[in-house]
Amino acid sequence: MHGLLGIEVLYDYLVRALAVLLVIPFHEAAHAFVSWRLGDPTAKNAGRLSLNPLRHFDPLGTLCMVLGGVGWAKPVGIDPRRFRNPKVGMAVSAAAGPVSNFLLGFLCTIIYKVVWYASYGQAPQLIMDFLWYMIAMNISLGVFNLIPVPPFDGSRIALLFLPQKLYFRVMRYERYIMAAVLVLVLLGVLNKPLGFFVNAVYGAFFNATEFVEAAFGLL
């Protein structure tokens, strides 16, 4: 019995790891691509405009993503001085990461439903589990990164509404803030608010993809 449980847990972590190999690089490459298109080639020149996981992974952040569903990657370097409008450029390039995850999660929701209905619920379990974790991890990473404190992407978006001096003063303490947020996550303090938004996005995705059921004559 214990052996079977151990195999199930190992299987679960392996499927999560496979999903992470796509989720994190997609997020970071989106930052690099948008900042490059807005006029800052810093991330592109550093090789971050790539879906190669090795260019993006932070060992501890990746481990947290696999084990707990939330984590981080190596920060993408951005030089706001190269943007025509530094505040807007920072906000848009920061938003690109979560938006890319939501788009990928939405696409995976469509694929999940199509595979499920087309196979009459008989698709290989590995495929369905992988697609499910692609949906779950994209949503959780997107929501987690919208927390409006440094160093999360949400803080760069919040810069649009904050005095620049105050923003950069807070940025000095981003490592401590990051550590505090992770402690709150581990203690479960943020479970309810994060869970609320994650579930809201889940619901929105599954409602917005009802056209798949309609295509299979299920509505």
N, C-alpha and C. Protein backbone atom coordinates (compact mmCIF):
# COMPACT_ATOMS: atom_id res chain seq x y z
N MET A 1 0.83 -1.21 0.00
CA MET A 1 0.00 0.00 0.00
C MET A 1 0.86 1.26 0.00
N HIS A 2 1.85 1.29 0.92
CA HIS A 2 2.73 2.46 1.01
C HIS A 2 3.54 2.61 -0.28
N GLY A 3 3.92 1.47 -0.89
CA GLY A 3 4.68 1.52 -2.13
C GLY A 3 3.88 2.14 -3.25
N LEU A 4 2.57 1.80 -3.30
CA LEU A 4 1.70 2.36 -4.34
C LEU A 4 1.53 3.86 -4.15
N LEU A 5 1.38 4.27 -2.88
CA LEU A 5 1.25 5.71 -2.59
C LEU A 5 2.51 6.45 -3.00
N GLY A 6 3.67 5.85 -2.73
CA GLY A 6 4.93 6.47 -3.10
C GLY A 6 5.06 6.62 -4.60
N ILE A 7 4.61 5.62 -5.35
CA ILE A 7 4.67 5.68 -6.82
C ILE A 7 3.73 6.77 -7.34
N GLU A 8 2.54 6.88 -6.72
CA GLU A 8 1.57 7.89 -7.14
C GLU A 8 2.11 9.30 -6.89
N VAL A 9 2.75 9.48 -5.74
CA VAL A 9 3.32 10.80 -5.42
C VAL A 9 4.44 11.14 -6.39
N LEU A 10 5.31 10.17 -6.67
CA LEU A 10 6.41 10.37 -7.61
C LEU A 10 5.87 10.70 -9.00
N TYR A 11 4.85 9.96 -9.42
CA TYR A 11 4.22 10.22 -10.71
C TYR A 11 3.67 11.65 -10.78
N ASP A 12 3.01 12.05 -9.70
CA ASP A 12 2.42 13.39 -9.63
C ASP A 12 3.49 14.46 -9.79
N TYR A 13 4.61 14.30 -9.08
CA TYR A 13 5.69 15.29 -9.16
C TYR A 13 6.34 15.29 -10.55
N LEU A 14 6.45 14.14 -11.17
CA LEU A 14 7.05 14.06 -12.51
C LEU A 14 6.18 14.78 -13.54
N VAL A 15 4.86 14.60 -13.43
CA VAL A 15 3.96 15.28 -14.37
C VAL A 15 4.02 16.79 -14.14
N ARG A 16 4.07 17.19 -12.87
CA ARG A 16 4.21 18.62 -12.56
C ARG A 16 5.50 19.17 -13.17
N ALA A 17 6.57 18.42 -13.03
CA ALA A 17 7.87 18.86 -13.55
C ALA A 17 7.81 19.03 -15.06
N LEU A 18 7.13 18.13 -15.75
CA LEU A 18 6.98 18.26 -17.20
C LEU A 18 6.24 19.55 -17.56
N ALA A 19 5.21 19.86 -16.80
CA ALA A 19 4.45 21.09 -17.05
C ALA A 19 5.32 22.33 -16.79
N VAL A 20 6.10 22.28 -15.71
CA VAL A 20 6.97 23.41 -15.37
C VAL A 20 7.98 23.70 -16.48
N LEU A 21 8.42 22.65 -17.19
CA LEU A 21 9.37 22.82 -18.29
C LEU A 21 8.83 23.73 -19.39
N LEU A 22 7.52 23.88 -19.46
CA LEU A 22 6.91 24.76 -20.45
C LEU A 22 6.38 26.05 -19.83
N VAL A 23 5.80 25.93 -18.65
CA VAL A 23 5.12 27.08 -18.03
C VAL A 23 6.08 28.23 -17.71
N ILE A 24 7.17 27.93 -17.02
CA ILE A 24 8.10 28.99 -16.62
C ILE A 24 8.82 29.62 -17.82
N PRO A 25 9.39 28.83 -18.75
CA PRO A 25 10.04 29.46 -19.91
C PRO A 25 9.08 30.33 -20.73
N PHE A 26 7.82 29.89 -20.85
CA PHE A 26 6.83 30.66 -21.61
C PHE A 26 6.62 32.03 -20.96
N HIS A 27 6.52 32.03 -19.65
CA HIS A 27 6.33 33.27 -18.88
C HIS A 27 7.51 34.22 -19.07
N GLU A 28 8.72 33.70 -18.88
CA GLU A 28 9.92 34.55 -18.95
C GLU A 28 10.21 35.01 -20.38
N ALA A 29 10.01 34.13 -21.36
CA ALA A 29 10.23 34.52 -22.75
C ALA A 29 9.26 35.61 -23.17
N ALA A 30 8.05 35.60 -22.60
CA ALA A 30 7.07 36.65 -22.91
C ALA A 30 7.58 38.00 -22.42
N HIS A 31 8.15 38.04 -21.20
CA HIS A 31 8.76 39.29 -20.71
C HIS A 31 9.83 39.78 -21.70
N ALA A 32 10.70 38.86 -22.10
CA ALA A 32 11.82 39.23 -22.97
C ALA A 32 11.32 39.72 -24.33
N PHE A 33 10.32 39.03 -24.87
CA PHE A 33 9.80 39.39 -26.19
C PHE A 33 9.16 40.77 -26.18
N VAL A 34 8.30 41.03 -25.20
CA VAL A 34 7.58 42.30 -25.15
C VAL A 34 8.54 43.46 -24.86
N SER A 35 9.48 43.27 -23.94
CA SER A 35 10.44 44.35 -23.66
C SER A 35 11.28 44.65 -24.89
N TRP A 36 11.65 43.61 -25.64
CA TRP A 36 12.41 43.80 -26.88
C TRP A 36 11.59 44.58 -27.90
N ARG A 37 10.31 44.22 -28.06
CA ARG A 37 9.45 44.90 -29.03
C ARG A 37 9.18 46.35 -28.62
N LEU A 38 9.29 46.62 -27.33
CA LEU A 38 9.07 47.99 -26.85
C LEU A 38 10.36 48.83 -26.90
N GLY A 39 11.46 48.20 -27.32
CA GLY A 39 12.69 48.97 -27.51
C GLY A 39 13.86 48.61 -26.63
N ASP A 40 13.69 47.65 -25.72
CA ASP A 40 14.78 47.26 -24.83
C ASP A 40 15.26 45.84 -25.16
N PRO A 41 16.42 45.69 -25.78
CA PRO A 41 16.91 44.36 -26.15
C PRO A 41 17.72 43.66 -25.06
N THR A 42 17.73 44.22 -23.84
CA THR A 42 18.56 43.66 -22.76
C THR A 42 18.33 42.17 -22.56
N ALA A 43 17.07 41.78 -22.38
CA ALA A 43 16.74 40.37 -22.13
C ALA A 43 17.03 39.52 -23.36
N LYS A 44 16.75 40.04 -24.53
CA LYS A 44 17.01 39.30 -25.77
C LYS A 44 18.50 39.03 -25.91
N ASN A 45 19.31 40.05 -25.65
CA ASN A 45 20.76 39.91 -25.76
C ASN A 45 21.32 38.94 -24.72
N ALA A 46 20.59 38.78 -23.62
CA ALA A 46 21.03 37.85 -22.56
C ALA A 46 20.55 36.42 -22.83
N GLY A 47 19.90 36.20 -23.96
CA GLY A 47 19.45 34.86 -24.31
C GLY A 47 18.15 34.45 -23.66
N ARG A 48 17.37 35.42 -23.15
CA ARG A 48 16.13 35.08 -22.45
C ARG A 48 14.92 34.99 -23.39
N LEU A 49 15.11 35.37 -24.66
CA LEU A 49 14.03 35.22 -25.63
C LEU A 49 14.09 33.79 -26.17
N SER A 50 13.81 32.85 -25.28
CA SER A 50 14.00 31.43 -25.59
C SER A 50 13.06 30.60 -24.73
N LEU A 51 12.65 29.44 -25.26
CA LEU A 51 11.84 28.50 -24.49
C LEU A 51 12.71 27.39 -23.89
N ASN A 52 14.02 27.57 -23.95
CA ASN A 52 14.95 26.62 -23.34
C ASN A 52 14.88 26.80 -21.81
N PRO A 53 14.39 25.81 -21.08
CA PRO A 53 14.23 25.96 -19.62
C PRO A 53 15.51 26.34 -18.90
N LEU A 54 16.66 25.88 -19.38
CA LEU A 54 17.92 26.14 -18.70
C LEU A 54 18.28 27.62 -18.67
N ARG A 55 17.71 28.39 -19.57
CA ARG A 55 18.01 29.83 -19.61
C ARG A 55 17.21 30.61 -18.57
N HIS A 56 16.22 29.96 -17.98
CA HIS A 56 15.31 30.70 -17.10
C HIS A 56 15.23 30.18 -15.67
N PHE A 57 15.52 28.91 -15.45
CA PHE A 57 15.21 28.30 -14.16
C PHE A 57 16.10 28.80 -13.02
N ASP A 58 15.45 29.08 -11.91
CA ASP A 58 16.11 29.29 -10.62
C ASP A 58 15.86 27.99 -9.84
N PRO A 59 16.92 27.31 -9.37
CA PRO A 59 16.73 25.99 -8.74
C PRO A 59 15.69 25.97 -7.63
N LEU A 60 15.77 26.92 -6.69
CA LEU A 60 14.84 26.93 -5.57
C LEU A 60 13.43 27.27 -6.04
N GLY A 61 13.33 28.26 -6.94
CA GLY A 61 12.02 28.66 -7.45
C GLY A 61 11.35 27.54 -8.21
N THR A 62 12.12 26.79 -8.98
CA THR A 62 11.58 25.66 -9.74
C THR A 62 11.10 24.56 -8.81
N LEU A 63 11.89 24.29 -7.76
CA LEU A 63 11.51 23.27 -6.78
C LEU A 63 10.19 23.64 -6.10
N CYS A 64 10.05 24.92 -5.74
CA CYS A 64 8.81 25.38 -5.11
C CYS A 64 7.63 25.24 -6.07
N MET A 65 7.89 25.50 -7.35
CA MET A 65 6.82 25.38 -8.35
C MET A 65 6.35 23.93 -8.48
N VAL A 66 7.30 23.01 -8.49
CA VAL A 66 6.96 21.58 -8.63
C VAL A 66 6.26 21.06 -7.38
N LEU A 67 6.80 21.43 -6.20
CA LEU A 67 6.27 20.89 -4.95
C LEU A 67 5.01 21.60 -4.47
N GLY A 68 4.99 22.93 -4.67
CA GLY A 68 3.87 23.69 -4.11
C GLY A 68 2.97 24.38 -5.10
N GLY A 69 3.35 24.40 -6.38
CA GLY A 69 2.50 25.02 -7.38
C GLY A 69 2.76 26.50 -7.58
N VAL A 70 3.58 27.11 -6.72
CA VAL A 70 3.98 28.52 -6.91
C VAL A 70 5.49 28.60 -6.82
N GLY A 71 6.07 29.46 -7.63
CA GLY A 71 7.52 29.58 -7.64
C GLY A 71 7.97 30.75 -8.49
N TRP A 72 9.21 30.76 -8.89
CA TRP A 72 9.75 31.88 -9.64
C TRP A 72 10.92 31.41 -10.49
N ALA A 73 11.36 32.28 -11.40
CA ALA A 73 12.50 31.98 -12.26
C ALA A 73 13.55 33.08 -12.07
N LYS A 74 14.65 32.97 -12.79
CA LYS A 74 15.64 34.04 -12.75
C LYS A 74 15.00 35.31 -13.31
N PRO A 75 15.19 36.46 -12.65
CA PRO A 75 14.59 37.69 -13.15
C PRO A 75 15.08 38.02 -14.56
N VAL A 76 14.17 38.53 -15.37
CA VAL A 76 14.53 38.98 -16.72
C VAL A 76 15.03 40.42 -16.63
N GLY A 77 16.24 40.65 -17.13
CA GLY A 77 16.81 41.99 -17.07
C GLY A 77 16.10 42.96 -18.01
N ILE A 78 15.69 44.09 -17.47
CA ILE A 78 15.03 45.13 -18.27
C ILE A 78 15.65 46.48 -17.94
N ASP A 79 15.95 47.26 -18.97
CA ASP A 79 16.50 48.60 -18.79
C ASP A 79 15.42 49.61 -19.18
N PRO A 80 14.70 50.16 -18.18
CA PRO A 80 13.58 51.06 -18.48
C PRO A 80 13.99 52.31 -19.24
N ARG A 81 15.26 52.67 -19.20
CA ARG A 81 15.72 53.88 -19.91
C ARG A 81 15.58 53.74 -21.42
N ARG A 82 15.48 52.50 -21.90
CA ARG A 82 15.37 52.27 -23.34
C ARG A 82 13.93 52.36 -23.84
N PHE A 83 12.99 52.41 -22.92
CA PHE A 83 11.59 52.55 -23.32
C PHE A 83 11.28 54.01 -23.61
N ARG A 84 10.38 54.22 -24.55
CA ARG A 84 9.96 55.58 -24.85
C ARG A 84 9.29 56.19 -23.63
N ASN A 85 8.46 55.39 -22.97
CA ASN A 85 7.83 55.80 -21.72
C ASN A 85 8.18 54.73 -20.67
N PRO A 86 9.18 55.00 -19.81
CA PRO A 86 9.67 53.98 -18.88
C PRO A 86 8.59 53.34 -18.01
N LYS A 87 7.67 54.16 -17.46
CA LYS A 87 6.63 53.62 -16.59
C LYS A 87 5.73 52.64 -17.33
N VAL A 88 5.27 53.08 -18.51
CA VAL A 88 4.37 52.24 -19.29
C VAL A 88 5.11 51.00 -19.81
N GLY A 89 6.36 51.20 -20.25
CA GLY A 89 7.15 50.08 -20.75
C GLY A 89 7.37 49.02 -19.70
N MET A 90 7.67 49.44 -18.47
CA MET A 90 7.87 48.49 -17.37
C MET A 90 6.58 47.73 -17.07
N ALA A 91 5.46 48.47 -17.05
CA ALA A 91 4.18 47.85 -16.72
C ALA A 91 3.76 46.84 -17.79
N VAL A 92 3.90 47.22 -19.06
CA VAL A 92 3.46 46.34 -20.15
C VAL A 92 4.35 45.10 -20.24
N SER A 93 5.67 45.30 -20.12
CA SER A 93 6.57 44.14 -20.19
C SER A 93 6.38 43.22 -18.98
N ALA A 94 6.03 43.79 -17.83
CA ALA A 94 5.76 42.97 -16.64
C ALA A 94 4.47 42.19 -16.82
N ALA A 95 3.44 42.85 -17.36
CA ALA A 95 2.14 42.20 -17.55
C ALA A 95 2.22 41.06 -18.56
N ALA A 96 3.21 41.11 -19.45
CA ALA A 96 3.33 40.09 -20.49
C ALA A 96 3.48 38.69 -19.91
N GLY A 97 4.16 38.55 -18.77
CA GLY A 97 4.36 37.24 -18.17
C GLY A 97 3.05 36.59 -17.73
N PRO A 98 2.30 37.25 -16.80
CA PRO A 98 1.01 36.67 -16.39
C PRO A 98 0.03 36.50 -17.54
N VAL A 99 -0.02 37.48 -18.45
CA VAL A 99 -0.95 37.39 -19.58
C VAL A 99 -0.62 36.17 -20.44
N SER A 100 0.68 35.92 -20.67
CA SER A 100 1.08 34.76 -21.48
C SER A 100 0.66 33.47 -20.79
N ASN A 101 0.75 33.41 -19.46
CA ASN A 101 0.32 32.22 -18.74
C ASN A 101 -1.19 32.01 -18.83
N PHE A 102 -1.94 33.09 -18.74
CA PHE A 102 -3.39 32.97 -18.86
C PHE A 102 -3.79 32.51 -20.26
N LEU A 103 -3.11 33.05 -21.27
CA LEU A 103 -3.41 32.63 -22.65
C LEU A 103 -3.07 31.16 -22.87
N LEU A 104 -1.90 30.73 -22.36
CA LEU A 104 -1.51 29.33 -22.50
C LEU A 104 -2.46 28.42 -21.71
N GLY A 105 -2.84 28.86 -20.52
CA GLY A 105 -3.78 28.09 -19.71
C GLY A 105 -5.14 27.96 -20.39
N PHE A 106 -5.57 29.03 -21.04
CA PHE A 106 -6.85 29.00 -21.76
C PHE A 106 -6.78 28.03 -22.94
N LEU A 107 -5.67 28.09 -23.68
CA LEU A 107 -5.47 27.18 -24.81
C LEU A 107 -5.47 25.72 -24.32
N CYS A 108 -4.81 25.47 -23.21
CA CYS A 108 -4.75 24.11 -22.67
C CYS A 108 -6.12 23.63 -22.18
N THR A 109 -6.95 24.58 -21.73
CA THR A 109 -8.32 24.21 -21.33
C THR A 109 -9.09 23.71 -22.54
N ILE A 110 -8.93 24.39 -23.67
CA ILE A 110 -9.59 23.97 -24.91
C ILE A 110 -9.09 22.58 -25.31
N ILE A 111 -7.77 22.41 -25.31
CA ILE A 111 -7.18 21.12 -25.72
C ILE A 111 -7.64 20.01 -24.78
N TYR A 112 -7.67 20.29 -23.47
CA TYR A 112 -8.10 19.30 -22.48
C TYR A 112 -9.51 18.81 -22.81
N LYS A 113 -10.40 19.75 -23.05
CA LYS A 113 -11.79 19.37 -23.34
C LYS A 113 -11.90 18.60 -24.65
N VAL A 114 -11.21 19.07 -25.69
CA VAL A 114 -11.27 18.40 -26.99
C VAL A 114 -10.78 16.96 -26.87
N VAL A 115 -9.63 16.78 -26.21
CA VAL A 115 -9.06 15.43 -26.05
C VAL A 115 -10.02 14.54 -25.25
N TRP A 116 -10.60 15.10 -24.19
CA TRP A 116 -11.50 14.33 -23.33
C TRP A 116 -12.73 13.87 -24.10
N TYR A 117 -13.39 14.81 -24.79
CA TYR A 117 -14.62 14.46 -25.50
C TYR A 117 -14.35 13.63 -26.74
N ALA A 118 -13.27 13.92 -27.45
CA ALA A 118 -12.96 13.17 -28.67
C ALA A 118 -12.61 11.72 -28.35
N SER A 119 -12.05 11.49 -27.16
CA SER A 119 -11.66 10.12 -26.78
C SER A 119 -12.74 9.44 -25.94
N TYR A 120 -13.90 10.13 -25.76
CA TYR A 120 -14.98 9.61 -24.92
C TYR A 120 -14.47 9.29 -23.50
N GLY A 121 -13.57 10.14 -23.01
CA GLY A 121 -13.03 9.98 -21.67
C GLY A 121 -12.04 8.86 -21.51
N GLN A 122 -11.53 8.36 -22.66
CA GLN A 122 -10.61 7.21 -22.61
C GLN A 122 -9.18 7.60 -23.01
N ALA A 123 -8.86 8.89 -23.02
CA ALA A 123 -7.50 9.33 -23.38
C ALA A 123 -6.52 8.83 -22.32
N PRO A 124 -5.27 8.58 -22.69
CA PRO A 124 -4.26 8.14 -21.70
C PRO A 124 -4.20 9.09 -20.51
N GLN A 125 -4.13 8.51 -19.32
CA GLN A 125 -4.14 9.32 -18.10
C GLN A 125 -3.00 10.32 -18.05
N LEU A 126 -1.83 9.94 -18.56
CA LEU A 126 -0.68 10.85 -18.54
C LEU A 126 -0.97 12.12 -19.32
N ILE A 127 -1.62 11.98 -20.47
CA ILE A 127 -1.94 13.15 -21.29
C ILE A 127 -2.92 14.07 -20.56
N MET A 128 -3.97 13.48 -19.97
CA MET A 128 -4.96 14.29 -19.28
C MET A 128 -4.36 14.97 -18.04
N ASP A 129 -3.54 14.24 -17.30
CA ASP A 129 -2.91 14.82 -16.11
C ASP A 129 -1.96 15.95 -16.50
N PHE A 130 -1.20 15.75 -17.58
CA PHE A 130 -0.28 16.79 -18.04
C PHE A 130 -1.04 18.05 -18.44
N LEU A 131 -2.12 17.89 -19.20
CA LEU A 131 -2.92 19.04 -19.63
C LEU A 131 -3.54 19.73 -18.42
N TRP A 132 -3.98 18.93 -17.44
CA TRP A 132 -4.58 19.53 -16.24
C TRP A 132 -3.55 20.38 -15.48
N TYR A 133 -2.34 19.85 -15.34
CA TYR A 133 -1.32 20.63 -14.64
C TYR A 133 -0.89 21.85 -15.45
N MET A 134 -0.95 21.75 -16.77
CA MET A 134 -0.66 22.92 -17.60
C MET A 134 -1.68 24.03 -17.32
N ILE A 135 -2.93 23.64 -17.17
CA ILE A 135 -3.97 24.63 -16.84
C ILE A 135 -3.72 25.18 -15.44
N ALA A 136 -3.56 24.27 -14.47
CA ALA A 136 -3.43 24.68 -13.07
C ALA A 136 -2.21 25.55 -12.83
N MET A 137 -1.07 25.16 -13.37
CA MET A 137 0.17 25.90 -13.10
C MET A 137 0.21 27.23 -13.83
N ASN A 138 -0.35 27.28 -15.03
CA ASN A 138 -0.40 28.57 -15.72
C ASN A 138 -1.28 29.56 -14.96
N ILE A 139 -2.41 29.08 -14.47
CA ILE A 139 -3.29 29.97 -13.71
C ILE A 139 -2.64 30.40 -12.41
N SER A 140 -2.07 29.45 -11.66
CA SER A 140 -1.48 29.80 -10.36
C SER A 140 -0.28 30.73 -10.53
N LEU A 141 0.56 30.48 -11.57
CA LEU A 141 1.71 31.35 -11.78
C LEU A 141 1.27 32.75 -12.20
N GLY A 142 0.23 32.81 -13.06
CA GLY A 142 -0.28 34.11 -13.49
C GLY A 142 -0.83 34.91 -12.32
N VAL A 143 -1.63 34.27 -11.49
CA VAL A 143 -2.23 34.95 -10.34
C VAL A 143 -1.16 35.34 -9.33
N PHE A 144 -0.25 34.41 -9.00
CA PHE A 144 0.79 34.66 -8.01
C PHE A 144 1.66 35.86 -8.41
N ASN A 145 1.96 35.96 -9.70
CA ASN A 145 2.83 37.04 -10.15
C ASN A 145 2.13 38.39 -10.24
N LEU A 146 0.83 38.40 -10.07
CA LEU A 146 0.10 39.67 -10.06
C LEU A 146 0.00 40.29 -8.66
N ILE A 147 0.60 39.62 -7.66
CA ILE A 147 0.67 40.23 -6.32
C ILE A 147 1.41 41.56 -6.46
N PRO A 148 0.81 42.66 -6.02
CA PRO A 148 1.37 43.99 -6.30
C PRO A 148 2.48 44.46 -5.37
N VAL A 149 3.42 43.55 -5.05
CA VAL A 149 4.59 43.96 -4.26
C VAL A 149 5.83 43.42 -4.95
N PRO A 150 6.98 44.13 -4.79
CA PRO A 150 8.23 43.65 -5.40
C PRO A 150 8.61 42.29 -4.82
N PRO A 151 9.20 41.40 -5.60
CA PRO A 151 9.64 41.60 -6.98
C PRO A 151 8.65 41.05 -8.01
N PHE A 152 7.38 40.85 -7.62
CA PHE A 152 6.42 40.25 -8.53
C PHE A 152 6.02 41.22 -9.65
N ASP A 153 5.53 40.64 -10.74
CA ASP A 153 5.16 41.45 -11.90
C ASP A 153 4.10 42.49 -11.55
N GLY A 154 3.23 42.15 -10.62
CA GLY A 154 2.18 43.08 -10.23
C GLY A 154 2.71 44.39 -9.69
N SER A 155 3.91 44.36 -9.11
CA SER A 155 4.49 45.60 -8.57
C SER A 155 4.88 46.55 -9.69
N ARG A 156 5.33 46.00 -10.83
CA ARG A 156 5.68 46.85 -11.98
C ARG A 156 4.45 47.47 -12.59
N ILE A 157 3.35 46.72 -12.54
CA ILE A 157 2.09 47.27 -13.04
C ILE A 157 1.60 48.36 -12.10
N ALA A 158 1.77 48.13 -10.79
CA ALA A 158 1.35 49.11 -9.79
C ALA A 158 2.14 50.40 -9.91
N LEU A 159 3.33 50.34 -10.52
CA LEU A 159 4.17 51.53 -10.71
C LEU A 159 3.41 52.61 -11.48
N LEU A 160 2.47 52.19 -12.33
CA LEU A 160 1.68 53.16 -13.09
C LEU A 160 0.87 54.07 -12.17
N PHE A 161 0.57 53.56 -10.96
CA PHE A 161 -0.31 54.31 -10.06
C PHE A 161 0.41 54.82 -8.81
N LEU A 162 1.73 54.54 -8.73
CA LEU A 162 2.50 54.96 -7.56
C LEU A 162 3.53 56.02 -7.93
N PRO A 163 3.86 56.93 -7.01
CA PRO A 163 4.97 57.85 -7.26
C PRO A 163 6.26 57.05 -7.47
N GLN A 164 7.06 57.45 -8.45
CA GLN A 164 8.26 56.68 -8.81
C GLN A 164 9.24 56.58 -7.63
N LYS A 165 9.39 57.66 -6.87
CA LYS A 165 10.33 57.65 -5.74
C LYS A 165 9.91 56.60 -4.71
N LEU A 166 8.60 56.53 -4.43
CA LEU A 166 8.10 55.57 -3.46
C LEU A 166 8.33 54.15 -3.96
N TYR A 167 8.10 53.93 -5.24
CA TYR A 167 8.26 52.60 -5.83
C TYR A 167 9.70 52.11 -5.67
N PHE A 168 10.67 52.96 -6.07
CA PHE A 168 12.07 52.53 -6.02
C PHE A 168 12.58 52.42 -4.58
N ARG A 169 11.95 53.16 -3.66
CA ARG A 169 12.31 53.02 -2.25
C ARG A 169 11.88 51.64 -1.74
N VAL A 170 10.70 51.21 -2.14
CA VAL A 170 10.20 49.90 -1.75
C VAL A 170 11.03 48.79 -2.40
N MET A 171 11.49 49.03 -3.64
CA MET A 171 12.25 48.04 -4.39
C MET A 171 13.53 47.63 -3.68
N ARG A 172 14.06 48.50 -2.84
CA ARG A 172 15.29 48.17 -2.10
C ARG A 172 15.10 46.96 -1.19
N TYR A 173 13.86 46.73 -0.81
CA TYR A 173 13.58 45.67 0.15
C TYR A 173 12.91 44.46 -0.51
N GLU A 174 13.06 44.34 -1.85
CA GLU A 174 12.31 43.30 -2.55
C GLU A 174 12.67 41.89 -2.08
N ARG A 175 13.93 41.65 -1.72
CA ARG A 175 14.32 40.31 -1.25
C ARG A 175 13.60 39.95 0.04
N TYR A 176 13.50 40.93 0.94
CA TYR A 176 12.84 40.68 2.22
C TYR A 176 11.33 40.50 2.01
N ILE A 177 10.78 41.29 1.09
CA ILE A 177 9.35 41.18 0.80
C ILE A 177 9.05 39.82 0.19
N MET A 178 9.94 39.39 -0.74
CA MET A 178 9.77 38.08 -1.38
C MET A 178 9.79 36.98 -0.32
N ALA A 179 10.73 37.04 0.60
CA ALA A 179 10.84 36.03 1.65
C ALA A 179 9.58 36.04 2.53
N ALA A 180 9.09 37.24 2.84
CA ALA A 180 7.90 37.35 3.68
C ALA A 180 6.68 36.76 2.98
N VAL A 181 6.54 37.02 1.68
CA VAL A 181 5.41 36.48 0.93
C VAL A 181 5.46 34.95 0.90
N LEU A 182 6.66 34.40 0.68
CA LEU A 182 6.80 32.94 0.64
C LEU A 182 6.46 32.32 2.00
N VAL A 183 6.86 32.98 3.09
CA VAL A 183 6.53 32.49 4.43
C VAL A 183 5.01 32.49 4.62
N LEU A 184 4.36 33.57 4.16
CA LEU A 184 2.89 33.65 4.27
C LEU A 184 2.21 32.55 3.46
N VAL A 185 2.80 32.25 2.28
CA VAL A 185 2.26 31.16 1.45
C VAL A 185 2.41 29.83 2.16
N LEU A 186 3.61 29.59 2.70
CA LEU A 186 3.88 28.32 3.39
C LEU A 186 3.00 28.15 4.63
N LEU A 187 2.70 29.26 5.31
CA LEU A 187 1.86 29.20 6.50
C LEU A 187 0.38 29.12 6.15
N GLY A 188 0.07 29.29 4.87
CA GLY A 188 -1.31 29.20 4.43
C GLY A 188 -2.11 30.49 4.56
N VAL A 189 -1.44 31.57 4.96
CA VAL A 189 -2.14 32.84 5.17
C VAL A 189 -2.73 33.38 3.86
N LEU A 190 -2.02 33.16 2.76
CA LEU A 190 -2.49 33.68 1.48
C LEU A 190 -3.35 32.68 0.70
N ASN A 191 -3.60 31.53 1.29
CA ASN A 191 -4.36 30.50 0.57
C ASN A 191 -5.73 30.98 0.13
N LYS A 192 -6.45 31.64 1.04
CA LYS A 192 -7.81 32.07 0.72
C LYS A 192 -7.84 33.12 -0.38
N PRO A 193 -7.09 34.23 -0.23
CA PRO A 193 -7.16 35.24 -1.30
C PRO A 193 -6.63 34.74 -2.63
N LEU A 194 -5.50 34.00 -2.61
CA LEU A 194 -4.98 33.47 -3.87
C LEU A 194 -5.93 32.43 -4.45
N GLY A 195 -6.47 31.57 -3.57
CA GLY A 195 -7.41 30.55 -4.03
C GLY A 195 -8.66 31.16 -4.65
N PHE A 196 -9.11 32.27 -4.09
CA PHE A 196 -10.30 32.95 -4.64
C PHE A 196 -10.06 33.35 -6.09
N PHE A 197 -8.92 34.00 -6.35
CA PHE A 197 -8.63 34.47 -7.71
C PHE A 197 -8.32 33.31 -8.65
N VAL A 198 -7.61 32.30 -8.15
CA VAL A 198 -7.31 31.13 -8.99
C VAL A 198 -8.61 30.44 -9.41
N ASN A 199 -9.52 30.25 -8.46
CA ASN A 199 -10.80 29.59 -8.77
C ASN A 199 -11.65 30.44 -9.71
N ALA A 200 -11.55 31.76 -9.56
CA ALA A 200 -12.30 32.65 -10.45
C ALA A 200 -11.80 32.51 -11.89
N VAL A 201 -10.48 32.40 -12.05
CA VAL A 201 -9.93 32.23 -13.40
C VAL A 201 -10.30 30.86 -13.96
N TYR A 202 -10.21 29.82 -13.10
CA TYR A 202 -10.65 28.47 -13.51
C TYR A 202 -12.06 28.53 -14.07
N GLY A 203 -12.95 29.11 -13.28
CA GLY A 203 -14.36 29.18 -13.68
C GLY A 203 -14.54 29.93 -14.99
N ALA A 204 -13.81 31.04 -15.13
CA ALA A 204 -13.91 31.84 -16.35
C ALA A 204 -13.45 31.05 -17.56
N PHE A 205 -12.35 30.30 -17.40
CA PHE A 205 -11.82 29.50 -18.51
C PHE A 205 -12.81 28.41 -18.94
N PHE A 206 -13.36 27.69 -17.96
CA PHE A 206 -14.24 26.59 -18.31
C PHE A 206 -15.58 27.08 -18.85
N ASN A 207 -16.04 28.25 -18.38
CA ASN A 207 -17.26 28.82 -18.94
C ASN A 207 -17.03 29.36 -20.34
N ALA A 208 -15.85 29.99 -20.55
CA ALA A 208 -15.56 30.61 -21.84
C ALA A 208 -15.25 29.58 -22.93
N THR A 209 -15.03 28.33 -22.53
CA THR A 209 -14.72 27.29 -23.52
C THR A 209 -15.89 26.32 -23.71
N GLU A 210 -17.08 26.76 -23.36
CA GLU A 210 -18.25 25.91 -23.54
C GLU A 210 -18.54 25.65 -25.02
N PHE A 211 -17.91 26.44 -25.89
CA PHE A 211 -18.09 26.19 -27.33
C PHE A 211 -17.55 24.81 -27.71
N VAL A 212 -16.63 24.26 -26.90
CA VAL A 212 -16.12 22.91 -27.17
C VAL A 212 -17.24 21.89 -26.95
N GLU A 213 -17.94 22.02 -25.82
CA GLU A 213 -19.08 21.14 -25.57
C GLU A 213 -20.13 21.28 -26.68
N ALA A 214 -20.36 22.53 -27.09
CA ALA A 214 -21.34 22.78 -28.15
C ALA A 214 -20.93 22.08 -29.44
N ALA A 215 -19.63 22.12 -29.75
CA ALA A 215 -19.12 21.49 -30.98
C ALA A 215 -19.33 19.97 -30.94
N PHE A 216 -19.33 19.40 -29.74
CA PHE A 216 -19.53 17.94 -29.60
C PHE A 216 -21.00 17.60 -29.34
N GLY A 217 -21.85 18.62 -29.45
CA GLY A 217 -23.28 18.39 -29.29
C GLY A 217 -23.70 18.09 -27.87
N LEU A 218 -22.96 18.63 -26.90
CA LEU A 218 -23.25 18.34 -25.50
C LEU A 218 -24.02 19.46 -24.80
N LEU A 219 -24.31 20.52 -25.52
CA LEU A 219 -25.08 21.64 -24.93
C LEU A 219 -26.38 21.81 -25.67
